[in-house]
């Protein structure tokens, strides 16, 4: 089976580093509290940042060294290696605004991006990519794959959506795929 796997907030804990940088630049706790990942309950992060920040929140993602402090999501590496050992091909599909630093991060953390990046695809519209299964935290990506099986990787910003396959962690992902009827 070809498993398409999102990177940010599915494999890489992007949100923790993103909010760390934001909180350092907007430390006024009287106007806005210290922003934490669990407080981001909608895909539009602008709703949660200080008004003086607004759309500038996205500029952090463009920093050359942004991924230097990003950590892997707990259990992601082990689960993906396990799925590969079962004969599944893992293809990472991610938006490309900061594609090369993300690719380097994946290589540095031992994720199998394949020879010459053959298991890494940059695509804003993930529905254009062929695969058997998508694992993603963005409900809009899950919805775009209406004819493809998918697992919604649980995050605070997608909890208000109903989906029949929701994984709370990477162990859940492994169990769901092991039980898959394909």
C-alpha atoms as a PDB file:
ATOM      1  CA  UNK A   1       0.000   0.000   0.000  1.00  0.00           C
ATOM      2  CA  UNK A   2       1.212   3.531  -0.741  1.00  0.00           C
ATOM      3  CA  UNK A   3       0.694   5.642   2.357  1.00  0.00           C
ATOM      4  CA  UNK A   4       0.758   9.391   1.831  1.00  0.00           C
ATOM      5  CA  UNK A   5       1.833  11.111   5.011  1.00  0.00           C
ATOM      6  CA  UNK A   6       1.668  14.785   5.871  1.00  0.00           C
ATOM      7  CA  UNK A   7       4.719  16.208   7.660  1.00  0.00           C
ATOM      8  CA  UNK A   8       3.815  19.292   9.712  1.00  0.00           C
ATOM      9  CA  UNK A   9       1.976  18.469  12.936  1.00  0.00           C
ATOM     10  CA  UNK A  10       1.683  14.849  11.840  1.00  0.00           C
ATOM     11  CA  UNK A  11       5.361  13.838  11.811  1.00  0.00           C
ATOM     12  CA  UNK A  12       7.051  17.119  12.815  1.00  0.00           C
ATOM     13  CA  UNK A  13       5.861  19.065  15.871  1.00  0.00           C
ATOM     14  CA  UNK A  14       5.773  22.329  13.968  1.00  0.00           C
ATOM     15  CA  UNK A  15       3.266  24.069  16.237  1.00  0.00           C
ATOM     16  CA  UNK A  16       5.417  24.005  19.381  1.00  0.00           C
ATOM     17  CA  UNK A  17       8.336  25.755  17.675  1.00  0.00           C
ATOM     18  CA  UNK A  18       6.056  28.151  15.800  1.00  0.00           C
ATOM     19  CA  UNK A  19       4.368  29.279  19.007  1.00  0.00           C
ATOM     20  CA  UNK A  20       7.691  29.488  20.859  1.00  0.00           C
ATOM     21  CA  UNK A  21       8.927  32.029  18.307  1.00  0.00           C
ATOM     22  CA  UNK A  22       5.633  33.910  18.356  1.00  0.00           C
ATOM     23  CA  UNK A  23       5.492  34.037  22.184  1.00  0.00           C
ATOM     24  CA  UNK A  24       9.061  35.403  22.307  1.00  0.00           C
ATOM     25  CA  UNK A  25       8.065  38.267  19.992  1.00  0.00           C
ATOM     26  CA  UNK A  26       4.670  38.977  21.601  1.00  0.00           C
ATOM     27  CA  UNK A  27       5.289  38.559  25.337  1.00  0.00           C
ATOM     28  CA  UNK A  28       2.567  40.932  26.621  1.00  0.00           C
ATOM     29  CA  UNK A  29       0.520  38.545  28.772  1.00  0.00           C
ATOM     30  CA  UNK A  30      -1.926  41.294  29.805  1.00  0.00           C
ATOM     31  CA  UNK A  31      -3.242  41.551  26.245  1.00  0.00           C
ATOM     32  CA  UNK A  32      -2.850  37.921  25.158  1.00  0.00           C
ATOM     33  CA  UNK A  33      -1.911  34.832  27.174  1.00  0.00           C
ATOM     34  CA  UNK A  34       1.095  32.675  26.365  1.00  0.00           C
ATOM     35  CA  UNK A  35      -0.190  30.818  23.329  1.00  0.00           C
ATOM     36  CA  UNK A  36       0.006  27.000  23.526  1.00  0.00           C
ATOM     37  CA  UNK A  37      -0.768  24.384  20.843  1.00  0.00           C
ATOM     38  CA  UNK A  38      -3.902  23.166  22.653  1.00  0.00           C
ATOM     39  CA  UNK A  39      -5.321  26.703  22.409  1.00  0.00           C
ATOM     40  CA  UNK A  40      -5.291  26.614  18.589  1.00  0.00           C
ATOM     41  CA  UNK A  41      -8.729  25.141  17.912  1.00  0.00           C
ATOM     42  CA  UNK A  42      -9.141  26.218  14.298  1.00  0.00           C
ATOM     43  CA  UNK A  43      -6.977  25.886  11.168  1.00  0.00           C
ATOM     44  CA  UNK A  44      -6.808  29.698  10.888  1.00  0.00           C
ATOM     45  CA  UNK A  45      -4.113  30.494  13.459  1.00  0.00           C
ATOM     46  CA  UNK A  46      -4.579  34.240  12.894  1.00  0.00           C
ATOM     47  CA  UNK A  47      -7.679  34.054  15.103  1.00  0.00           C
ATOM     48  CA  UNK A  48      -5.490  33.262  18.114  1.00  0.00           C
ATOM     49  CA  UNK A  49      -2.539  35.637  17.797  1.00  0.00           C
ATOM     50  CA  UNK A  50      -2.161  39.188  19.029  1.00  0.00           C
ATOM     51  CA  UNK A  51      -3.820  41.690  16.649  1.00  0.00           C
ATOM     52  CA  UNK A  52      -0.440  43.369  16.070  1.00  0.00           C
ATOM     53  CA  UNK A  53       0.847  40.076  14.693  1.00  0.00           C
ATOM     54  CA  UNK A  54      -2.007  39.039  12.392  1.00  0.00           C
ATOM     55  CA  UNK A  55      -0.778  37.547   9.103  1.00  0.00           C
ATOM     56  CA  UNK A  56       2.843  38.059  10.193  1.00  0.00           C
ATOM     57  CA  UNK A  57       2.424  34.783  12.095  1.00  0.00           C
ATOM     58  CA  UNK A  58       3.177  32.994   8.813  1.00  0.00           C
ATOM     59  CA  UNK A  59       6.540  34.738   8.385  1.00  0.00           C
ATOM     60  CA  UNK A  60       8.074  32.482  11.055  1.00  0.00           C
ATOM     61  CA  UNK A  61       7.601  29.534   8.725  1.00  0.00           C
ATOM     62  CA  UNK A  62       9.895  31.192   6.184  1.00  0.00           C
ATOM     63  CA  UNK A  63      12.884  31.495   8.530  1.00  0.00           C
ATOM     64  CA  UNK A  64      15.870  29.523   7.209  1.00  0.00           C
ATOM     65  CA  UNK A  65      16.519  28.064  10.648  1.00  0.00           C
ATOM     66  CA  UNK A  66      12.875  27.428  11.584  1.00  0.00           C
ATOM     67  CA  UNK A  67      13.218  23.643  11.564  1.00  0.00           C
ATOM     68  CA  UNK A  68      16.398  23.671  13.661  1.00  0.00           C
ATOM     69  CA  UNK A  69      14.387  23.311  16.891  1.00  0.00           C
ATOM     70  CA  UNK A  70      11.404  21.316  15.597  1.00  0.00           C
ATOM     71  CA  UNK A  71      11.062  17.905  17.239  1.00  0.00           C
ATOM     72  CA  UNK A  72       9.472  14.781  15.783  1.00  0.00           C
ATOM     73  CA  UNK A  73       5.982  13.865  16.984  1.00  0.00           C
ATOM     74  CA  UNK A  74       6.320  11.109  19.560  1.00  0.00           C
ATOM     75  CA  UNK A  75       6.208   7.659  17.994  1.00  0.00           C
ATOM     76  CA  UNK A  76       6.199   8.858  14.355  1.00  0.00           C
ATOM     77  CA  UNK A  77       9.621   7.537  13.403  1.00  0.00           C
ATOM     78  CA  UNK A  78       9.078   4.107  14.949  1.00  0.00           C
ATOM     79  CA  UNK A  79       5.566   3.720  13.505  1.00  0.00           C
ATOM     80  CA  UNK A  80       6.645   4.688  10.003  1.00  0.00           C
ATOM     81  CA  UNK A  81       9.628   2.315  10.127  1.00  0.00           C
ATOM     82  CA  UNK A  82       7.282  -0.422  11.304  1.00  0.00           C
ATOM     83  CA  UNK A  83       4.865   0.238   8.420  1.00  0.00           C
ATOM     84  CA  UNK A  84       7.767   0.163   5.959  1.00  0.00           C
ATOM     85  CA  UNK A  85       8.878  -3.174   7.406  1.00  0.00           C
ATOM     86  CA  UNK A  86       5.376  -4.499   6.611  1.00  0.00           C
ATOM     87  CA  UNK A  87       5.920  -3.638   2.940  1.00  0.00           C
ATOM     88  CA  UNK A  88       4.134  -0.288   2.799  1.00  0.00           C
ATOM     89  CA  UNK A  89       5.694   2.604   0.939  1.00  0.00           C
ATOM     90  CA  UNK A  90       5.583   5.866   2.861  1.00  0.00           C
ATOM     91  CA  UNK A  91       5.508   9.001   0.703  1.00  0.00           C
ATOM     92  CA  UNK A  92       5.681  12.308   2.532  1.00  0.00           C
ATOM     93  CA  UNK A  93       3.436  14.967   0.980  1.00  0.00           C
ATOM     94  CA  UNK A  94       3.654  18.490   2.303  1.00  0.00           C
ATOM     95  CA  UNK A  95       3.044  22.088   1.285  1.00  0.00           C
ATOM     96  CA  UNK A  96       6.091  23.673  -0.227  1.00  0.00           C
ATOM     97  CA  UNK A  97       6.507  27.139   1.238  1.00  0.00           C
ATOM     98  CA  UNK A  98       9.558  25.944   3.194  1.00  0.00           C
ATOM     99  CA  UNK A  99      10.210  22.671   1.383  1.00  0.00           C
ATOM    100  CA  UNK A 100      14.009  22.369   1.515  1.00  0.00           C
ATOM    101  CA  UNK A 101      14.489  23.057   5.254  1.00  0.00           C
ATOM    102  CA  UNK A 102      11.705  20.555   5.940  1.00  0.00           C
ATOM    103  CA  UNK A 103      13.354  17.979   3.674  1.00  0.00           C
ATOM    104  CA  UNK A 104      16.671  18.494   5.481  1.00  0.00           C
ATOM    105  CA  UNK A 105      14.912  18.137   8.845  1.00  0.00           C
ATOM    106  CA  UNK A 106      13.402  14.831   7.739  1.00  0.00           C
ATOM    107  CA  UNK A 107      16.766  13.499   6.581  1.00  0.00           C
ATOM    108  CA  UNK A 108      18.456  14.678   9.808  1.00  0.00           C
ATOM    109  CA  UNK A 109      15.829  12.886  11.902  1.00  0.00           C
ATOM    110  CA  UNK A 110      16.090   9.606   9.996  1.00  0.00           C
ATOM    111  CA  UNK A 111      12.813   9.683   8.084  1.00  0.00           C
ATOM    112  CA  UNK A 112      13.039   7.746   4.830  1.00  0.00           C
ATOM    113  CA  UNK A 113      12.653  10.421   2.168  1.00  0.00           C
ATOM    114  CA  UNK A 114      14.114   8.000  -0.386  1.00  0.00           C
ATOM    115  CA  UNK A 115      17.025   8.288  -2.743  1.00  0.00           C
ATOM    116  CA  UNK A 116      17.099  11.821  -4.189  1.00  0.00           C
ATOM    117  CA  UNK A 117      13.867  12.589  -2.329  1.00  0.00           C
ATOM    118  CA  UNK A 118      11.816   9.959  -4.159  1.00  0.00           C
ATOM    119  CA  UNK A 119       9.528   9.622  -1.105  1.00  0.00           C
ATOM    120  CA  UNK A 120       9.027  13.362  -0.635  1.00  0.00           C
ATOM    121  CA  UNK A 121       6.504  15.358  -2.683  1.00  0.00           C
ATOM    122  CA  UNK A 122       5.824  19.059  -2.369  1.00  0.00           C
ATOM    123  CA  UNK A 123       2.200  19.838  -3.163  1.00  0.00           C
ATOM    124  CA  UNK A 124      -0.220  22.406  -1.871  1.00  0.00           C
ATOM    125  CA  UNK A 125      -3.149  20.421  -3.288  1.00  0.00           C
ATOM    126  CA  UNK A 126      -2.492  16.946  -1.924  1.00  0.00           C
ATOM    127  CA  UNK A 127      -5.515  15.507  -3.725  1.00  0.00           C
ATOM    128  CA  UNK A 128      -3.425  15.540  -6.911  1.00  0.00           C
ATOM    129  CA  UNK A 129      -1.086  12.862  -5.530  1.00  0.00           C
ATOM    130  CA  UNK A 130      -1.847   9.181  -6.078  1.00  0.00           C
ATOM    131  CA  UNK A 131      -1.805   6.831  -3.111  1.00  0.00           C
ATOM    132  CA  UNK A 132      -3.910   4.337  -1.185  1.00  0.00           C
ATOM    133  CA  UNK A 133      -4.147   6.131   2.152  1.00  0.00           C
ATOM    134  CA  UNK A 134      -3.576   9.640   3.502  1.00  0.00           C
ATOM    135  CA  UNK A 135      -2.544  10.487   7.070  1.00  0.00           C
ATOM    136  CA  UNK A 136      -2.987  14.210   7.755  1.00  0.00           C
ATOM    137  CA  UNK A 137      -3.975  16.694  10.470  1.00  0.00           C
ATOM    138  CA  UNK A 138      -5.611  19.100   8.008  1.00  0.00           C
ATOM    139  CA  UNK A 139      -9.257  18.236   7.631  1.00  0.00           C
ATOM    140  CA  UNK A 140      -9.371  20.130   4.320  1.00  0.00           C
ATOM    141  CA  UNK A 141      -6.813  17.632   2.976  1.00  0.00           C
ATOM    142  CA  UNK A 142      -8.792  14.670   4.299  1.00  0.00           C
ATOM    143  CA  UNK A 143     -11.950  16.064   2.658  1.00  0.00           C
ATOM    144  CA  UNK A 144     -10.166  16.517  -0.661  1.00  0.00           C
ATOM    145  CA  UNK A 145      -9.461  12.762  -0.692  1.00  0.00           C
ATOM    146  CA  UNK A 146     -13.131  11.748  -0.759  1.00  0.00           C
ATOM    147  CA  UNK A 147     -12.376   8.636  -2.806  1.00  0.00           C
ATOM    148  CA  UNK A 148      -9.281   7.685  -0.827  1.00  0.00           C
ATOM    149  CA  UNK A 149      -9.040   6.128   2.594  1.00  0.00           C
ATOM    150  CA  UNK A 150      -7.605   8.509   5.137  1.00  0.00           C
ATOM    151  CA  UNK A 151      -6.738   8.868   8.780  1.00  0.00           C
ATOM    152  CA  UNK A 152      -7.223  12.212  10.486  1.00  0.00           C
ATOM    153  CA  UNK A 153      -4.284  12.737  12.850  1.00  0.00           C
ATOM    154  CA  UNK A 154      -5.826  14.333  15.918  1.00  0.00           C
ATOM    155  CA  UNK A 155      -4.868  17.906  16.743  1.00  0.00           C
ATOM    156  CA  UNK A 156      -6.806  20.621  18.611  1.00  0.00           C
ATOM    157  CA  UNK A 157      -7.574  22.453  15.337  1.00  0.00           C
ATOM    158  CA  UNK A 158      -9.417  19.469  13.828  1.00  0.00           C
ATOM    159  CA  UNK A 159     -11.402  18.172  16.812  1.00  0.00           C
ATOM    160  CA  UNK A 160     -14.630  19.884  15.781  1.00  0.00           C
ATOM    161  CA  UNK A 161     -14.713  17.777  12.599  1.00  0.00           C
ATOM    162  CA  UNK A 162     -16.278  14.331  12.536  1.00  0.00           C
ATOM    163  CA  UNK A 163     -14.242  11.662  10.773  1.00  0.00           C
ATOM    164  CA  UNK A 164     -14.597   7.891  10.961  1.00  0.00           C
ATOM    165  CA  UNK A 165     -10.846   7.242  11.239  1.00  0.00           C
ATOM    166  CA  UNK A 166      -9.130   9.487  13.784  1.00  0.00           C
ATOM    167  CA  UNK A 167      -5.766   8.624  15.294  1.00  0.00           C
ATOM    168  CA  UNK A 168      -4.822  10.145  18.639  1.00  0.00           C
ATOM    169  CA  UNK A 169      -1.191   9.093  18.234  1.00  0.00           C
ATOM    170  CA  UNK A 170       1.120   7.031  16.039  1.00  0.00           C
ATOM    171  CA  UNK A 171       0.317   3.805  17.850  1.00  0.00           C
ATOM    172  CA  UNK A 172      -3.318   4.296  16.783  1.00  0.00           C
ATOM    173  CA  UNK A 173      -2.131   4.768  13.186  1.00  0.00           C
ATOM    174  CA  UNK A 174      -0.183   1.478  13.310  1.00  0.00           C
ATOM    175  CA  UNK A 175      -3.152  -0.418  14.747  1.00  0.00           C
ATOM    176  CA  UNK A 176      -5.582   0.991  12.162  1.00  0.00           C
ATOM    177  CA  UNK A 177      -3.321   0.101   9.254  1.00  0.00           C
ATOM    178  CA  UNK A 178      -2.577  -3.374  10.656  1.00  0.00           C
ATOM    179  CA  UNK A 179      -6.333  -4.023  10.746  1.00  0.00           C
ATOM    180  CA  UNK A 180      -6.922  -2.528   7.287  1.00  0.00           C
ATOM    181  CA  UNK A 181      -8.784  -4.610   4.750  1.00  0.00           C
ATOM    182  CA  UNK A 182      -6.885  -3.803   1.550  1.00  0.00           C
END
